[in-house]
Amino acid sequence: MGNSKSGALSKEILEELQLNTKFSQEELCTWYQSFLKECPSGKISKNQFESIYSKFFPDADPKAYAQHVFRSFDANNDGTLDFKEYMIALHMTSSGKTNQKLEWAFSLYDVDGNGTISKPEVLEIITAIFKMITDEDQKLLPDDESTPDKRTNKIWVFFGKKDDDKLTEGEFIQGILNNKEILRLIQFEPQKVKEKLKEKKQ
């Protein structure tokens, strides 16, 4: 991104993002200006990403979850997110097609990146999600999903897996498409994030 200092978004990246997201050219240019204001280098580090994420969840501890989200969007594994990776992340988590979102969810849960998900990996992400649920909200959870272990067991049973089985991406996506309960269990109330994003844009 040689021309990032000029504050203009390169034509190639603009065209690619228009193809791959629902954002208009105008929206992308506006996002880019605010991105450069926050990150003059044109890259977001993991720490910056965590701090942006923390603003969405002032009453919780989203650090562990933010690290997993960051990992799943750092497409070239260079430890930073450039504008393109950042916008694709925004698109996927807010308005991506169901299948795209599920592919992203798979990469989020595939902690070691080996192409399958194990039960301990599900537990790791669910534990990170629980750190973002306030104590009051945790009290409202049904008994069979009121702890990370219970929720992980419930998800694993829905997938029809034994403890040491692995889930492929195809099984993961199909299982969720067949059972909306799984989708609810693997997510963290994205509505709150969407509302905060809307406020930020206005």
Protein backbone atom coordinates (compact mmCIF):
# COMPACT_ATOMS: atom_id res chain seq x y z
CA MET A 1 0.00 0.00 0.00
CA GLY A 2 2.54 2.56 -1.15
CA ASN A 3 0.09 5.42 -1.34
CA SER A 4 -1.35 5.03 2.16
CA LYS A 5 0.42 8.18 3.32
CA SER A 6 -1.54 10.29 0.82
CA GLY A 7 -4.77 9.20 2.48
CA ALA A 8 -6.18 7.78 -0.75
CA LEU A 9 -7.30 4.20 -1.06
CA SER A 10 -5.71 2.39 -3.98
CA LYS A 11 -8.03 1.59 -6.87
CA GLU A 12 -7.20 -2.15 -6.72
CA ILE A 13 -8.07 -2.46 -3.04
CA LEU A 14 -11.19 -0.34 -3.49
CA GLU A 15 -12.40 -2.56 -6.34
CA GLU A 16 -11.59 -5.75 -4.46
CA LEU A 17 -13.44 -4.59 -1.35
CA GLN A 18 -16.47 -3.52 -3.40
CA LEU A 19 -16.55 -7.03 -4.88
CA ASN A 20 -16.11 -8.82 -1.56
CA THR A 21 -18.18 -6.68 0.81
CA LYS A 22 -21.47 -4.79 0.77
CA PHE A 23 -19.80 -1.43 1.37
CA SER A 24 -20.11 1.31 -1.25
CA GLN A 25 -17.12 3.23 -2.63
CA GLU A 26 -18.12 6.23 -0.55
CA GLU A 27 -18.43 4.17 2.65
CA LEU A 28 -15.07 2.50 2.03
CA CYS A 29 -13.33 5.86 1.55
CA THR A 30 -14.91 7.20 4.75
CA TRP A 31 -13.87 4.10 6.70
CA TYR A 32 -10.38 4.40 5.26
CA GLN A 33 -9.98 8.01 6.47
CA SER A 34 -10.98 7.07 10.01
CA PHE A 35 -8.80 3.93 9.82
CA LEU A 36 -5.76 6.07 8.96
CA LYS A 37 -6.59 8.50 11.75
CA GLU A 38 -6.61 5.62 14.28
CA CYS A 39 -3.70 3.78 12.61
CA PRO A 40 -1.42 6.16 10.70
CA SER A 41 0.85 3.24 9.76
CA GLY A 42 -2.00 1.66 7.80
CA LYS A 43 -1.88 -1.43 10.02
CA ILE A 44 -3.65 -2.44 13.22
CA SER A 45 -1.58 -4.36 15.75
CA LYS A 46 -3.12 -7.04 17.97
CA ASN A 47 -2.99 -4.62 20.94
CA GLN A 48 -4.76 -1.86 19.00
CA PHE A 49 -7.39 -4.35 17.88
CA GLU A 50 -7.93 -5.46 21.49
CA SER A 51 -8.34 -1.87 22.58
CA ILE A 52 -10.86 -1.13 19.77
CA TYR A 53 -12.74 -4.29 20.76
CA SER A 54 -12.72 -3.32 24.43
CA LYS A 55 -14.66 -0.16 23.60
CA PHE A 56 -17.51 -2.36 22.40
CA PHE A 57 -17.63 -4.22 25.71
CA PRO A 58 -16.88 -1.75 28.51
CA ASP A 59 -18.46 -4.04 31.15
CA ALA A 60 -16.59 -7.19 30.20
CA ASP A 61 -13.18 -8.66 29.41
CA PRO A 62 -13.07 -9.29 25.65
CA LYS A 63 -9.27 -9.60 25.44
CA ALA A 64 -9.10 -13.39 24.88
CA TYR A 65 -11.97 -13.32 22.37
CA ALA A 66 -10.47 -10.33 20.55
CA GLN A 67 -7.19 -12.25 20.17
CA HIS A 68 -9.03 -15.15 18.51
CA VAL A 69 -11.00 -12.80 16.25
CA PHE A 70 -7.75 -11.04 15.30
CA ARG A 71 -6.07 -14.37 14.50
CA SER A 72 -8.99 -15.46 12.32
CA PHE A 73 -8.78 -12.27 10.22
CA ASP A 74 -5.00 -11.93 9.96
CA ALA A 75 -5.09 -13.61 6.54
CA ASN A 76 -1.34 -13.40 5.87
CA ASN A 77 -0.32 -14.15 9.50
CA ASP A 78 1.90 -11.07 9.77
CA GLY A 79 0.60 -10.08 13.22
CA THR A 80 -1.23 -7.00 11.90
CA LEU A 81 -4.48 -6.27 10.08
CA ASP A 82 -4.28 -3.98 7.07
CA PHE A 83 -7.29 -2.02 5.88
CA LYS A 84 -8.43 -4.78 3.52
CA GLU A 85 -8.33 -7.48 6.22
CA TYR A 86 -10.07 -5.10 8.64
CA MET A 87 -12.93 -4.27 6.24
CA ILE A 88 -13.46 -7.92 5.31
CA ALA A 89 -13.61 -8.64 9.06
CA LEU A 90 -16.24 -5.94 9.54
CA HIS A 91 -18.25 -7.19 6.59
CA MET A 92 -18.12 -10.84 7.65
CA THR A 93 -19.20 -10.17 11.20
CA SER A 94 -21.93 -7.67 10.34
CA SER A 95 -23.45 -8.38 6.96
CA GLY A 96 -21.70 -11.34 5.36
CA LYS A 97 -23.74 -14.15 3.79
CA THR A 98 -24.58 -17.02 6.14
CA ASN A 99 -22.07 -19.36 4.55
CA GLN A 100 -19.30 -16.73 4.69
CA LYS A 101 -20.05 -16.13 8.35
CA LEU A 102 -19.96 -19.84 9.08
CA GLU A 103 -16.65 -20.22 7.24
CA TRP A 104 -15.33 -17.40 9.39
CA ALA A 105 -16.77 -19.01 12.55
CA PHE A 106 -14.98 -22.22 11.60
CA SER A 107 -11.65 -20.39 11.30
CA LEU A 108 -12.33 -18.74 14.67
CA TYR A 109 -12.89 -22.11 16.37
CA ASP A 110 -10.02 -23.83 14.51
CA VAL A 111 -7.55 -22.40 17.03
CA ASP A 112 -4.46 -24.25 15.79
CA GLY A 113 -5.35 -23.76 12.11
CA ASN A 114 -5.09 -27.47 11.24
CA GLY A 115 -8.40 -27.61 9.33
CA THR A 116 -10.46 -29.41 12.00
CA ILE A 117 -12.04 -28.40 15.31
CA SER A 118 -11.55 -30.41 18.51
CA LYS A 119 -13.65 -30.22 21.67
CA PRO A 120 -10.82 -28.45 23.61
CA GLU A 121 -10.74 -25.77 20.88
CA VAL A 122 -14.50 -25.21 21.27
CA LEU A 123 -13.98 -24.91 25.02
CA GLU A 124 -11.19 -22.35 24.50
CA ILE A 125 -13.42 -20.05 22.41
CA ILE A 126 -16.51 -20.55 24.61
CA THR A 127 -14.39 -19.68 27.67
CA ALA A 128 -13.29 -16.47 25.91
CA ILE A 129 -16.95 -15.69 25.10
CA PHE A 130 -17.95 -16.22 28.75
CA LYS A 131 -15.45 -13.56 29.82
CA MET A 132 -17.55 -11.09 27.83
CA ILE A 133 -20.89 -12.07 29.39
CA THR A 134 -21.66 -9.97 32.46
CA ASP A 135 -22.34 -11.78 35.75
CA GLU A 136 -25.99 -10.65 35.61
CA ASP A 137 -26.42 -12.08 32.11
CA GLN A 138 -24.68 -15.32 33.10
CA LYS A 139 -27.30 -15.81 35.84
CA LEU A 140 -30.00 -15.73 33.14
CA LEU A 141 -28.47 -18.59 31.14
CA PRO A 142 -30.21 -21.99 31.14
CA ASP A 143 -28.60 -24.45 33.55
CA ASP A 144 -27.27 -26.74 30.79
CA GLU A 145 -25.25 -23.89 29.26
CA SER A 146 -24.42 -21.76 32.29
CA THR A 147 -20.66 -22.54 32.30
CA PRO A 148 -18.12 -22.86 29.45
CA ASP A 149 -17.89 -26.64 30.07
CA LYS A 150 -21.65 -27.16 30.01
CA ARG A 151 -22.09 -25.06 26.89
CA THR A 152 -19.21 -26.85 25.11
CA ASN A 153 -20.74 -30.24 25.99
CA LYS A 154 -24.12 -29.11 24.68
CA ILE A 155 -22.56 -27.97 21.37
CA TRP A 156 -20.57 -31.20 21.02
CA VAL A 157 -23.67 -33.34 21.66
CA PHE A 158 -25.61 -31.34 19.04
CA PHE A 159 -22.88 -32.19 16.53
CA GLY A 160 -23.19 -35.85 17.55
CA LYS A 161 -19.50 -36.12 18.37
CA LYS A 162 -17.57 -38.16 20.96
CA ASP A 163 -15.08 -36.31 23.19
CA ASP A 164 -12.01 -37.09 21.09
CA ASP A 165 -13.70 -36.67 17.68
CA LYS A 166 -12.86 -33.82 15.31
CA LEU A 167 -15.17 -31.59 13.27
CA THR A 168 -14.41 -30.77 9.64
CA GLU A 169 -15.47 -27.45 8.12
CA GLY A 170 -18.22 -29.20 6.12
CA GLU A 171 -19.63 -30.90 9.23
CA PHE A 172 -19.44 -27.66 11.19
CA ILE A 173 -21.32 -25.62 8.58
CA GLN A 174 -23.90 -28.33 7.85
CA GLY A 175 -24.49 -28.96 11.56
CA ILE A 176 -25.24 -25.29 12.16
CA LEU A 177 -27.45 -24.98 9.08
CA ASN A 178 -29.42 -28.01 10.36
CA ASN A 179 -29.69 -26.74 13.92
CA LYS A 180 -30.10 -23.03 14.72
CA GLU A 181 -29.51 -23.81 18.41
CA ILE A 182 -25.84 -24.48 17.66
CA LEU A 183 -25.53 -21.07 15.99
CA ARG A 184 -26.91 -19.39 19.11
CA LEU A 185 -24.54 -21.35 21.35
CA ILE A 186 -21.34 -20.59 19.40
CA GLN A 187 -22.00 -16.85 19.11
CA PHE A 188 -21.72 -13.93 21.44
CA GLU A 189 -24.73 -11.58 21.10
CA PRO A 190 -23.57 -9.86 17.91
CA GLN A 191 -26.50 -7.44 18.16
CA LYS A 192 -24.69 -5.36 20.78
CA VAL A 193 -21.68 -5.05 18.50
CA LYS A 194 -23.85 -4.01 15.56
CA GLU A 195 -25.55 -1.31 17.62
CA LYS A 196 -22.18 0.04 18.75
CA LEU A 197 -20.88 0.00 15.17
CA LYS A 198 -23.91 2.01 14.03
CA GLU A 199 -23.34 4.57 16.78
CA LYS A 200 -19.69 4.87 15.75
CA LYS A 201 -20.58 5.55 12.13
CA GLN A 202 -23.06 8.35 12.90
